[in-house]
Amino acid sequence: MNTTVIDGNLLKLLITNGTIALRNDHQRINELNVFPVPDGDTGSNMQSTMMSGVKAIGGMNDESIDKVAKALSRGLLMGARGNSGVILSQLFSGFAKIFKDLETATTEQFIEGLTRGVKQAYGAVINPVEGTILTVAREAAEVATKYVKKDSDLLDVLNVYSTESWESLERTPDLLPVLKEAGVIDSGAAGFIDIMDGMILALRGEILEDSKFNTVASVQHEIHPLNGETDFGYCTEFIIQLDNGDKFNKDKFVKRISRFGDSLVVVNDEEICKVHIHTKTPGDVLNFGQQYGNFATLKIENMSLQHSETLLHSHEEGEDCGHEHAVYHSDSRKYGIITVVNGLGLKGMFKEMGVNCIIEGGQTMNPSTEDFINAVESLEVDHIIIIPNNGNVMLSAQTAAKYIENRSITVLPAKTIAQGYASLTMFDANQELAANVNEMTDLINNVKSGEVTYAVRDTEYKGIKIAKDEFIGIANGEIVVSEVSRKETVKHLFDSLLDENSEIITVMYGQTVDETELGEVMLYLEEHYSEVEVETIEGNQDIYSYIIAVE
């Protein structure tokens, strides 16, 4: 039976069957990751994105193709996760625009929609790379466009589309050398072909079943607004008698201690350093300060109690809490910072550094565009800064920023936890937005990032032979070492990241690192890089046993 007219019901069936095809195959798509790391999530992101679209059109019956396509487009946009999910949403967003005001569409218009989707997806990616889902969607649409006629059967044309897409997929390693070296095809393109082939099966009358389809809801990421807390913290003041006053670097000291709070004032000469800071963790501040010498004076006052007393006893205007304040104060209504992170320790660290809203996520659990939109809407501030902390989260954050009008939203180019962490050391709530963004971006561009995880398969990457279950060290997005021993891996990673210009190294260790191992790793740094200041953070993150930032 020929299909030359596509209505809303048929489009709904095609999309649903294509989504089930992807769901049934998404784990294979995950395993096509170029890096042999345990957090390949392309398939998961794409199927979650498609499920959001299916959910949006699930209750629609006997509607026009225009209405179904619009609902699908919005559902995909809001549910888009990861770069592959965002690109997928853009492919179908452009596709939907062809059906504006139409009750039904022809096969020719259907293929025109696929072509329009390719153009929109290319436009959504700042630096589109060939050998990816973009290439396969474009080449398949080009061939189908040459074949289709006004009265063509949709099944016939999609068979042509499918044949070319598979051939294009096989060519992706020739266009993207990293795929060829890893011995894989492009995962996003493979996932897209699953969807299109699922549509073809529906046209043939083969309706796929998925027992989980109606019972598993899309993943909802926890969003933790932090700006409404009632804990005002502690006003902490001290004077340190410096051990090495002639070598004291005030700029470096300010950058490091500012992570613990705000309203910071630092004054020093060659012998002493006076500090004033408002913090919720005065113990951490004192431990940090003691690294530079002995305390000459020390005072800590609980501002929460002072705030309560203020509510109970009105005081004369101009009266303060009785201690010296900075001449400037941060305006909590001016800035709101949103970041993506998991791991109890890492979340606590980002919170202490001034983040207002944490979206729990990252590797294997990328937040959706809607997660970012909800986070933005939870903050009533003048300017919002989003720190993605993950390259695969970047497009979702940028898409959300474009979607929300009349808000000042900046997405920083932080693609790793290390970059996001470093950028916050430069944030100053008293500066103008442009100055903050410039300084934070400069540090992102200059900080070195390192991670240690384990391999999930045998492979070779740029001449490095990697065996399954070995530990691998990643420096600035490149695998630089693979070892049986995790300790040896992190030591080699230090050697790749540190040089004579390195001043500060921050080591964030995960759930599986015990005190003995950490001690040996720290001893290596002390013996080989004694001039570098070392800071350790119990991040409690999984998958990546070590996350390293070098400034």
Protein backbone atom coordinates (compact mmCIF):
# COMPACT_ATOMS: atom_id res chain seq x y z
CA MET A 1 0.00 0.00 0.00
CA ASN A 2 1.46 3.33 -1.10
CA THR A 3 1.80 6.18 1.38
CA THR A 4 1.71 9.52 -0.39
CA VAL A 5 -0.13 11.53 2.27
CA ILE A 6 1.21 11.99 5.80
CA ASP A 7 -1.19 13.21 8.48
CA GLY A 8 -0.71 13.90 12.19
CA ASN A 9 -1.56 10.35 13.24
CA LEU A 10 0.99 8.84 10.85
CA LEU A 11 3.72 11.25 11.94
CA LYS A 12 3.01 10.32 15.56
CA LEU A 13 3.30 6.61 14.68
CA LEU A 14 6.56 7.12 12.78
CA ILE A 15 8.18 9.10 15.58
CA THR A 16 7.04 6.64 18.25
CA ASN A 17 8.31 3.60 16.35
CA GLY A 18 11.60 5.36 15.61
CA THR A 19 12.03 6.20 19.29
CA ILE A 20 11.42 2.60 20.35
CA ALA A 21 14.00 1.44 17.80
CA LEU A 22 16.53 3.81 19.34
CA ARG A 23 15.62 2.81 22.90
CA ASN A 24 16.10 -0.85 22.08
CA ASP A 25 19.57 -0.12 20.68
CA HIS A 26 20.75 2.78 22.84
CA GLN A 27 23.30 0.78 24.83
CA ARG A 28 25.13 -0.21 21.62
CA ILE A 29 25.17 3.47 20.68
CA ASN A 30 26.68 4.31 24.08
CA GLU A 31 29.48 1.81 23.48
CA LEU A 32 30.51 3.53 20.23
CA ASN A 33 32.16 6.29 22.28
CA VAL A 34 35.59 7.27 20.91
CA PHE A 35 37.13 7.26 24.37
CA PRO A 36 36.93 3.83 26.06
CA VAL A 37 35.58 5.45 29.24
CA PRO A 38 32.65 4.16 31.31
CA ASP A 39 30.47 7.20 30.72
CA GLY A 40 29.59 6.96 27.03
CA ASP A 41 26.09 8.39 26.95
CA THR A 42 25.23 9.39 23.38
CA GLY A 43 22.58 6.68 23.06
CA SER A 44 21.10 7.49 26.45
CA ASN A 45 20.96 11.20 25.67
CA MET A 46 19.34 10.67 22.27
CA GLN A 47 16.71 8.23 23.48
CA SER A 48 15.86 10.44 26.45
CA THR A 49 15.51 13.42 24.09
CA MET A 50 13.22 11.45 21.76
CA MET A 51 11.15 10.21 24.69
CA SER A 52 10.44 13.82 25.63
CA GLY A 53 9.15 14.38 22.12
CA VAL A 54 6.98 11.27 22.21
CA LYS A 55 5.57 12.31 25.58
CA ALA A 56 4.63 15.70 24.11
CA ILE A 57 2.58 14.13 21.29
CA GLY A 58 1.35 11.07 23.20
CA GLY A 59 -2.14 12.41 23.83
CA MET A 60 -2.69 13.88 20.38
CA ASN A 61 -5.18 12.09 18.11
CA ASP A 62 -6.57 13.16 14.75
CA GLU A 63 -4.63 16.42 14.84
CA SER A 64 -3.06 18.14 11.85
CA ILE A 65 0.53 17.37 10.93
CA ASP A 66 1.30 21.00 11.77
CA LYS A 67 0.12 20.65 15.39
CA VAL A 68 1.82 17.28 15.91
CA ALA A 69 5.10 18.54 14.44
CA LYS A 70 5.02 21.69 16.60
CA ALA A 71 4.36 19.71 19.77
CA LEU A 72 7.11 17.26 18.83
CA SER A 73 9.58 20.08 18.20
CA ARG A 74 8.89 21.75 21.54
CA GLY A 75 9.05 18.44 23.42
CA LEU A 76 12.40 17.60 21.88
CA LEU A 77 13.79 21.06 22.55
CA MET A 78 12.82 21.00 26.23
CA GLY A 79 14.05 17.45 26.72
CA ALA A 80 17.28 17.74 24.73
CA ARG A 81 20.24 16.25 26.63
CA GLY A 82 23.86 16.35 25.62
CA ASN A 83 25.23 17.68 22.35
CA SER A 84 23.77 14.78 20.38
CA GLY A 85 20.32 15.39 21.88
CA VAL A 86 20.42 19.10 21.10
CA ILE A 87 21.47 18.45 17.49
CA LEU A 88 18.69 15.85 17.21
CA SER A 89 16.16 18.37 18.51
CA GLN A 90 17.34 20.90 15.93
CA LEU A 91 17.00 18.37 13.10
CA PHE A 92 13.35 17.84 13.99
CA SER A 93 12.73 21.51 14.77
CA GLY A 94 13.67 22.48 11.22
CA PHE A 95 11.70 19.48 9.97
CA ALA A 96 8.57 20.73 11.75
CA LYS A 97 8.70 24.21 10.17
CA ILE A 98 7.89 22.83 6.72
CA PHE A 99 4.44 21.72 7.92
CA LYS A 100 3.26 25.12 9.13
CA ASP A 101 -0.52 25.50 8.60
CA LEU A 102 -0.75 22.11 6.85
CA GLU A 103 -3.34 19.46 7.67
CA THR A 104 -1.38 16.80 5.77
CA ALA A 105 1.90 16.66 3.88
CA THR A 106 3.26 14.95 0.80
CA THR A 107 6.34 12.76 0.63
CA GLU A 108 8.10 15.61 -1.14
CA GLN A 109 7.33 17.94 1.77
CA PHE A 110 8.45 15.28 4.26
CA ILE A 111 11.88 15.11 2.59
CA GLU A 112 11.97 18.90 2.33
CA GLY A 113 11.46 18.92 6.09
CA LEU A 114 14.45 16.62 6.61
CA THR A 115 16.53 18.97 4.45
CA ARG A 116 15.36 22.01 6.39
CA GLY A 117 16.25 20.22 9.61
CA VAL A 118 19.82 19.68 8.42
CA LYS A 119 20.24 23.39 7.72
CA GLN A 120 18.94 24.33 11.16
CA ALA A 121 21.13 21.77 12.93
CA TYR A 122 24.26 23.00 11.15
CA GLY A 123 23.36 26.54 12.18
CA ALA A 124 22.98 25.53 15.81
CA VAL A 125 26.54 24.20 16.07
CA ILE A 126 29.22 26.90 16.27
CA ASN A 127 31.92 24.76 14.67
CA PRO A 128 30.19 21.89 12.83
CA VAL A 129 32.39 18.84 12.30
CA GLU A 130 32.04 16.48 9.35
CA GLY A 131 31.94 12.75 9.99
CA THR A 132 29.12 13.17 12.51
CA ILE A 133 25.32 13.01 12.66
CA LEU A 134 25.29 16.26 10.69
CA THR A 135 27.10 14.69 7.73
CA VAL A 136 24.92 11.58 7.64
CA ALA A 137 21.67 13.55 7.86
CA ARG A 138 22.84 15.95 5.15
CA GLU A 139 24.10 13.36 2.67
CA ALA A 140 21.02 11.15 3.09
CA ALA A 141 18.69 14.11 2.57
CA GLU A 142 20.59 15.21 -0.53
CA VAL A 143 20.23 11.80 -2.17
CA ALA A 144 16.56 11.48 -1.17
CA THR A 145 15.83 14.95 -2.57
CA LYS A 146 17.17 13.90 -5.99
CA TYR A 147 14.99 10.78 -5.94
CA VAL A 148 11.68 12.11 -4.63
CA LYS A 149 8.84 13.24 -6.90
CA LYS A 150 5.50 14.90 -6.19
CA ASP A 151 3.59 11.61 -6.00
CA SER A 152 6.37 9.44 -4.54
CA ASP A 153 5.64 6.77 -1.95
CA LEU A 154 7.14 7.70 1.42
CA LEU A 155 8.40 4.17 2.04
CA ASP A 156 10.26 4.08 -1.27
CA VAL A 157 11.95 7.40 -0.63
CA LEU A 158 12.88 6.57 2.96
CA ASN A 159 14.41 3.31 1.77
CA VAL A 160 16.66 5.38 -0.48
CA TYR A 161 17.33 7.72 2.45
CA SER A 162 18.24 4.76 4.67
CA THR A 163 20.58 3.18 2.14
CA GLU A 164 22.53 6.40 1.75
CA SER A 165 22.59 7.07 5.50
CA TRP A 166 24.16 3.67 6.18
CA GLU A 167 26.77 4.24 3.47
CA SER A 168 27.46 7.70 4.87
CA LEU A 169 27.80 6.22 8.36
CA GLU A 170 30.46 3.81 7.11
CA ARG A 171 32.38 6.78 5.69
CA THR A 172 32.43 8.74 8.96
CA PRO A 173 35.82 7.31 10.07
CA ASP A 174 37.34 8.59 6.81
CA LEU A 175 36.17 12.11 7.63
CA LEU A 176 37.00 12.06 11.33
CA PRO A 177 40.40 10.41 11.98
CA VAL A 178 39.71 9.98 15.70
CA LEU A 179 36.89 7.57 14.78
CA LYS A 180 39.17 5.52 12.55
CA GLU A 181 41.87 5.26 15.19
CA ALA A 182 39.34 4.16 17.81
CA GLY A 183 37.82 1.67 15.37
CA VAL A 184 34.27 3.03 15.67
CA ILE A 185 31.66 4.82 13.57
CA ASP A 186 30.00 8.02 14.75
CA SER A 187 27.63 7.23 17.60
CA GLY A 188 25.23 10.15 17.08
CA ALA A 189 24.82 9.27 13.41
CA ALA A 190 24.18 5.63 14.31
CA GLY A 191 21.48 6.68 16.74
CA PHE A 192 19.82 8.89 14.14
CA ILE A 193 19.74 5.99 11.67
CA ASP A 194 18.01 3.86 14.33
CA ILE A 195 15.21 6.45 14.45
CA MET A 196 14.81 6.65 10.68
CA ASP A 197 14.87 2.87 10.27
CA GLY A 198 12.24 2.60 13.01
CA MET A 199 10.05 4.87 10.89
CA ILE A 200 10.57 2.59 7.89
CA LEU A 201 9.52 -0.42 9.95
CA ALA A 202 6.30 1.39 10.90
CA LEU A 203 5.54 2.06 7.23
CA ARG A 204 6.03 -1.67 6.60
CA GLY A 205 3.55 -2.48 9.35
CA GLU A 206 6.19 -3.64 11.87
CA ILE A 207 5.22 -1.87 15.10
CA LEU A 208 7.92 -2.29 17.70
CA GLU A 209 7.24 -3.15 21.32
CA ASP A 210 9.02 -1.84 24.36
CA SER A 211 7.78 -3.04 27.73
CA LYS A 212 9.39 -0.05 29.43
CA PHE A 213 8.02 2.51 27.02
CA ASN A 214 4.89 3.41 28.97
CA THR A 215 6.31 2.95 32.45
CA VAL A 216 9.68 4.70 32.45
CA ALA A 217 9.49 8.45 32.75
CA SER A 218 12.20 10.72 31.43
CA VAL A 219 14.97 11.50 33.90
CA GLN A 220 14.37 14.57 36.01
CA HIS A 221 17.51 16.19 37.35
CA GLU A 222 17.53 17.64 40.81
CA ILE A 223 17.95 21.39 40.92
CA HIS A 224 19.14 22.87 44.17
CA PRO A 225 18.62 26.63 44.54
CA LEU A 226 21.05 27.79 47.19
CA ASN A 227 20.28 31.48 47.36
CA GLY A 228 17.38 31.22 49.78
CA GLU A 229 19.31 29.94 52.76
CA THR A 230 18.95 31.65 56.10
CA ASP A 231 22.49 30.91 57.32
CA PHE A 232 24.42 34.18 57.27
CA GLY A 233 27.72 32.55 58.22
CA TYR A 234 30.57 33.93 60.27
CA CYS A 235 32.48 37.18 60.14
CA THR A 236 36.05 35.94 60.44
CA GLU A 237 39.06 38.19 61.09
CA PHE A 238 42.66 37.30 61.83
CA ILE A 239 46.23 38.51 61.55
CA ILE A 240 48.92 36.05 60.48
CA GLN A 241 52.58 36.45 61.40
CA LEU A 242 53.99 35.33 58.05
CA ASP A 243 56.65 32.61 58.00
CA ASN A 244 58.05 33.72 54.64
CA GLY A 245 56.85 37.28 54.23
CA ASP A 246 59.37 38.09 51.51
CA LYS A 247 57.90 35.30 49.33
CA PHE A 248 54.24 35.99 50.14
CA ASN A 249 52.18 36.37 46.96
CA LYS A 250 49.11 38.45 47.82
CA ASP A 251 47.33 37.93 44.49
CA LYS A 252 47.63 34.17 44.74
CA PHE A 253 46.55 34.26 48.40
CA VAL A 254 43.45 36.34 47.58
CA LYS A 255 42.51 34.07 44.69
CA ARG A 256 42.66 30.97 46.88
CA ILE A 257 41.02 32.31 50.05
CA SER A 258 38.17 33.96 48.10
CA ARG A 259 36.80 30.46 47.43
CA PHE A 260 35.65 30.28 51.06
CA GLY A 261 33.42 33.35 51.20
CA ASP A 262 32.90 37.02 50.32
CA SER A 263 33.29 40.56 51.72
CA LEU A 264 37.00 39.86 51.59
CA VAL A 265 39.68 42.35 52.63
CA VAL A 266 43.38 41.42 52.65
CA VAL A 267 46.13 43.81 53.81
CA ASN A 268 49.78 42.79 54.21
CA ASP A 269 53.36 43.88 54.51
CA GLU A 270 56.53 41.76 54.68
CA GLU A 271 55.76 40.45 58.19
CA ILE A 272 52.00 40.20 58.67
CA CYS A 273 48.79 39.63 56.72
CA LYS A 274 45.40 40.87 57.98
CA VAL A 275 42.26 39.15 56.66
CA HIS A 276 38.53 39.90 56.92
CA ILE A 277 36.06 37.46 55.30
CA HIS A 278 32.42 36.38 55.63
CA THR A 279 32.26 32.60 55.40
CA LYS A 280 30.09 29.63 56.33
CA THR A 281 33.15 27.48 57.00
CA PRO A 282 35.51 29.43 59.29
CA GLY A 283 37.41 26.25 60.16
CA ASP A 284 38.42 25.80 56.54
CA VAL A 285 39.51 29.44 56.35
CA LEU A 286 41.68 29.11 59.45
CA ASN A 287 43.25 25.87 58.26
CA PHE A 288 44.09 27.58 55.00
CA GLY A 289 45.49 30.68 56.67
CA GLN A 290 47.67 28.67 59.05
CA GLN A 291 49.64 27.36 56.08
CA TYR A 292 51.26 30.81 55.85
CA GLY A 293 52.24 31.31 59.50
CA ASN A 294 50.97 31.67 63.06
CA PHE A 295 47.94 33.65 64.18
CA ALA A 296 48.69 36.89 66.00
CA THR A 297 45.00 37.72 66.56
CA LEU A 298 41.79 35.85 65.79
CA LYS A 299 38.06 36.72 65.98
CA ILE A 300 34.97 34.87 64.72
CA GLU A 301 31.41 36.21 65.07
CA ASN A 302 28.18 34.40 64.17
CA MET A 303 26.25 36.71 61.82
CA SER A 304 23.16 34.48 61.96
CA LEU A 305 22.75 35.30 65.66
CA GLN A 306 23.36 38.96 64.94
CA HIS A 307 20.70 38.84 62.24
CA SER A 308 18.22 37.30 64.70
CA GLU A 309 18.95 40.00 67.23
CA THR A 310 18.36 42.62 64.56
CA LEU A 311 14.91 41.17 63.88
CA LEU A 312 14.08 41.22 67.61
CA HIS A 313 15.56 44.63 68.41
CA SER A 314 15.36 47.44 65.94
CA HIS A 315 18.52 49.49 66.07
CA GLU A 316 19.44 53.00 65.11
CA GLU A 317 20.24 53.53 61.47
CA GLY A 318 23.94 53.32 60.80
CA GLU A 319 24.58 50.91 63.67
CA ASP A 320 26.43 47.80 62.55
CA CYS A 321 27.58 44.52 64.00
CA GLY A 322 30.55 46.09 65.72
CA HIS A 323 33.42 45.01 63.52
CA GLU A 324 35.24 46.28 60.49
CA HIS A 325 33.56 45.46 57.16
CA ALA A 326 34.91 45.66 53.66
CA VAL A 327 34.29 48.93 51.93
CA TYR A 328 32.26 47.03 49.34
CA HIS A 329 29.60 44.35 49.67
CA SER A 330 28.30 41.85 47.15
CA ASP A 331 24.76 42.46 45.87
CA SER A 332 22.93 39.13 45.98
CA ARG A 333 20.34 40.48 43.55
CA LYS A 334 22.93 41.26 40.91
CA TYR A 335 24.28 37.80 40.08
CA GLY A 336 23.07 34.23 40.08
CA ILE A 337 25.41 31.36 39.23
CA ILE A 338 24.16 27.99 37.97
CA THR A 339 26.43 24.99 37.59
CA VAL A 340 26.21 21.27 36.81
CA VAL A 341 27.99 18.85 39.12
CA ASN A 342 27.62 15.58 41.01
CA GLY A 343 29.42 14.17 44.01
CA LEU A 344 28.63 15.38 47.52
CA GLY A 345 32.03 16.96 48.06
CA LEU A 346 32.10 18.71 44.70
CA LYS A 347 28.61 20.10 45.23
CA GLY A 348 29.66 21.43 48.61
CA MET A 349 32.76 23.01 47.11
CA PHE A 350 30.85 24.82 44.36
CA LYS A 351 28.28 25.96 46.90
CA GLU A 352 30.99 27.44 49.12
CA MET A 353 32.43 29.26 46.11
CA GLY A 354 29.21 31.18 45.58
CA VAL A 355 27.07 29.05 43.28
CA ASN A 356 23.37 29.83 43.75
CA CYS A 357 21.84 26.85 41.97
CA ILE A 358 23.27 23.37 41.38
CA ILE A 359 21.83 21.05 38.75
CA GLU A 360 22.83 17.58 39.80
CA GLY A 361 24.35 15.94 36.75
CA GLY A 362 27.37 15.62 34.53
CA GLN A 363 28.81 12.53 32.89
CA THR A 364 26.17 9.83 32.20
CA MET A 365 23.43 12.12 33.50
CA ASN A 366 23.39 15.21 31.29
CA PRO A 367 20.72 17.75 32.23
CA SER A 368 18.14 18.78 29.65
CA THR A 369 17.44 22.18 28.17
CA GLU A 370 14.38 22.33 30.41
CA ASP A 371 16.52 21.70 33.50
CA PHE A 372 18.51 24.83 32.69
CA ILE A 373 15.37 26.84 31.97
CA ASN A 374 13.87 25.84 35.32
CA ALA A 375 17.10 26.75 37.09
CA VAL A 376 17.19 30.18 35.45
CA GLU A 377 13.56 30.84 36.36
CA SER A 378 14.28 29.95 40.00
CA LEU A 379 16.66 32.92 40.32
CA GLU A 380 15.46 36.51 40.47
CA VAL A 381 18.69 38.34 39.71
CA ASP A 382 20.00 40.80 37.15
CA HIS A 383 22.62 38.55 35.56
CA ILE A 384 22.88 34.77 35.39
CA ILE A 385 26.13 32.94 34.70
CA ILE A 386 25.90 29.26 33.74
CA ILE A 387 28.96 27.06 34.23
CA PRO A 388 28.32 23.73 32.42
CA ASN A 389 31.48 21.91 33.64
CA ASN A 390 31.08 19.43 30.79
CA GLY A 391 31.54 19.75 27.03
CA ASN A 392 28.54 17.53 26.43
CA VAL A 393 26.33 19.85 28.47
CA MET A 394 27.37 23.03 26.66
CA LEU A 395 24.79 22.97 23.84
CA SER A 396 21.88 22.33 26.21
CA ALA A 397 22.92 25.33 28.31
CA GLN A 398 23.39 27.54 25.26
CA THR A 399 20.04 26.45 23.83
CA ALA A 400 18.30 27.31 27.10
CA ALA A 401 19.97 30.73 27.14
CA LYS A 402 18.68 31.45 23.62
CA TYR A 403 15.21 30.22 24.49
CA ILE A 404 14.71 32.57 27.44
CA GLU A 405 14.16 36.12 26.32
CA ASN A 406 14.60 39.33 28.33
CA ARG A 407 17.12 37.77 30.75
CA SER A 408 20.84 38.42 30.93
CA ILE A 409 22.32 34.91 30.65
CA THR A 410 25.96 34.08 29.98
CA VAL A 411 27.18 30.53 29.39
CA LEU A 412 30.86 30.18 30.23
CA PRO A 413 32.94 27.83 28.02
CA ALA A 414 33.82 25.57 30.97
CA LYS A 415 33.98 22.00 29.64
CA THR A 416 35.45 20.35 32.73
CA ILE A 417 35.00 20.48 36.49
CA ALA A 418 38.55 21.84 36.74
CA GLN A 419 37.75 24.73 34.41
CA GLY A 420 34.53 25.56 36.21
CA TYR A 421 36.26 25.44 39.58
CA ALA A 422 39.07 27.69 38.40
CA SER A 423 36.69 30.21 36.83
CA LEU A 424 34.90 30.74 40.13
CA THR A 425 38.13 31.82 41.80
CA MET A 426 37.99 34.92 39.59
CA PHE A 427 34.32 35.76 40.18
CA ASP A 428 33.74 39.05 41.99
CA ALA A 429 30.12 39.98 42.72
CA ASN A 430 31.13 43.63 42.90
CA GLN A 431 32.45 43.78 39.34
CA GLU A 432 30.43 44.48 36.22
CA LEU A 433 29.30 41.51 34.13
CA ALA A 434 31.74 42.04 31.26
CA ALA A 435 34.73 42.20 33.59
CA ASN A 436 33.66 39.04 35.41
CA VAL A 437 33.03 37.09 32.21
CA ASN A 438 36.34 38.18 30.68
CA GLU A 439 38.39 37.25 33.75
CA MET A 440 36.59 33.95 34.29
CA THR A 441 36.92 33.01 30.62
CA ASP A 442 40.62 33.91 30.59
CA LEU A 443 41.25 31.51 33.45
CA ILE A 444 39.17 28.78 31.78
CA ASN A 445 41.38 29.13 28.72
CA ASN A 446 44.55 28.88 30.78
CA VAL A 447 43.77 26.25 33.41
CA LYS A 448 44.91 22.69 32.69
CA SER A 449 42.42 19.87 33.32
CA GLY A 450 43.14 16.26 34.19
CA GLU A 451 40.99 13.19 34.94
CA VAL A 452 41.67 9.58 35.85
CA THR A 453 39.15 6.86 35.05
CA TYR A 454 39.21 3.28 33.71
CA ALA A 455 38.86 1.74 30.24
CA VAL A 456 35.78 -0.25 29.25
CA ARG A 457 37.35 -1.90 26.19
CA ASP A 458 40.63 -2.60 24.46
CA THR A 459 41.62 0.07 21.97
CA GLU A 460 44.43 2.32 20.79
CA TYR A 461 44.36 6.10 20.96
CA LYS A 462 47.04 8.18 19.24
CA GLY A 463 49.63 5.46 19.66
CA ILE A 464 48.69 4.59 23.26
CA LYS A 465 47.60 0.98 23.64
CA ILE A 466 44.75 0.68 26.13
CA ALA A 467 43.53 -2.56 27.68
CA LYS A 468 40.10 -3.07 29.20
CA ASP A 469 39.98 -2.26 32.94
CA GLU A 470 43.29 -0.37 32.84
CA PHE A 471 43.35 3.13 34.29
CA ILE A 472 43.66 6.00 31.85
CA GLY A 473 44.83 9.56 32.41
CA ILE A 474 43.23 12.35 30.38
CA ALA A 475 45.00 15.72 30.09
CA ASN A 476 43.13 18.59 28.48
CA GLY A 477 40.79 16.24 26.64
CA GLU A 478 43.50 13.86 25.38
CA ILE A 479 44.39 10.41 26.72
CA VAL A 480 48.06 10.61 27.68
CA VAL A 481 48.65 7.46 29.73
CA SER A 482 47.21 4.01 30.41
CA GLU A 483 48.47 1.90 33.31
CA VAL A 484 47.41 -1.11 35.39
CA SER A 485 48.08 0.92 38.56
CA ARG A 486 45.87 3.92 39.34
CA LYS A 487 48.62 5.52 41.42
CA GLU A 488 51.08 5.30 38.53
CA THR A 489 48.44 6.68 36.19
CA VAL A 490 47.83 9.79 38.28
CA LYS A 491 51.60 10.31 38.72
CA HIS A 492 52.11 10.23 34.94
CA LEU A 493 49.19 12.61 34.59
CA PHE A 494 50.85 15.05 37.00
CA ASP A 495 53.96 14.93 34.84
CA SER A 496 51.90 15.75 31.75
CA LEU A 497 50.10 18.68 33.37
CA LEU A 498 52.78 20.34 35.52
CA ASP A 499 55.67 22.48 34.31
CA GLU A 500 57.88 25.31 35.56
CA ASN A 501 55.03 27.80 35.19
CA SER A 502 52.59 25.85 37.35
CA GLU A 503 51.71 27.52 40.64
CA ILE A 504 48.66 25.77 42.09
CA ILE A 505 47.37 22.22 41.68
CA THR A 506 43.99 21.19 43.04
CA VAL A 507 43.33 17.47 43.38
CA MET A 508 39.69 16.42 43.75
CA TYR A 509 39.58 12.77 44.72
CA GLY A 510 36.63 10.44 44.30
CA GLN A 511 34.74 7.79 46.25
CA THR A 512 37.19 4.95 45.65
CA VAL A 513 40.39 6.75 46.73
CA ASP A 514 41.43 5.87 50.29
CA GLU A 515 43.74 7.78 52.64
CA THR A 516 46.73 5.54 51.97
CA GLU A 517 46.59 6.03 48.22
CA LEU A 518 45.99 9.75 48.54
CA GLY A 519 48.96 10.03 50.88
CA GLU A 520 51.27 8.33 48.38
CA VAL A 521 50.02 10.55 45.59
CA MET A 522 50.59 13.69 47.69
CA LEU A 523 54.09 12.47 48.60
CA TYR A 524 54.90 12.21 44.89
CA LEU A 525 53.85 15.83 44.38
CA GLU A 526 55.90 16.94 47.38
CA GLU A 527 59.01 15.13 46.15
CA HIS A 528 58.80 16.16 42.49
CA TYR A 529 56.92 19.48 42.50
CA SER A 530 57.72 21.09 45.83
CA GLU A 531 57.35 24.63 44.48
CA VAL A 532 53.72 24.07 43.53
CA GLU A 533 50.99 24.79 46.08
CA VAL A 534 48.75 21.74 46.52
CA GLU A 535 45.11 21.74 47.55
CA THR A 536 43.05 18.57 48.01
CA ILE A 537 39.27 18.30 47.94
CA GLU A 538 37.23 15.24 48.86
CA GLY A 539 34.91 15.36 45.88
CA ASN A 540 33.11 12.03 46.42
CA GLN A 541 32.57 11.82 42.65
CA ASP A 542 32.18 8.47 40.91
CA ILE A 543 33.63 7.29 37.57
CA TYR A 544 36.53 9.76 37.71
CA SER A 545 38.71 8.84 40.68
CA TYR A 546 40.78 12.02 40.28
CA ILE A 547 39.90 15.40 38.83
CA ILE A 548 42.83 17.80 38.63
CA ALA A 549 43.10 21.54 38.02
CA VAL A 550 46.48 23.18 37.39
CA GLU A 551 46.85 26.95 37.42
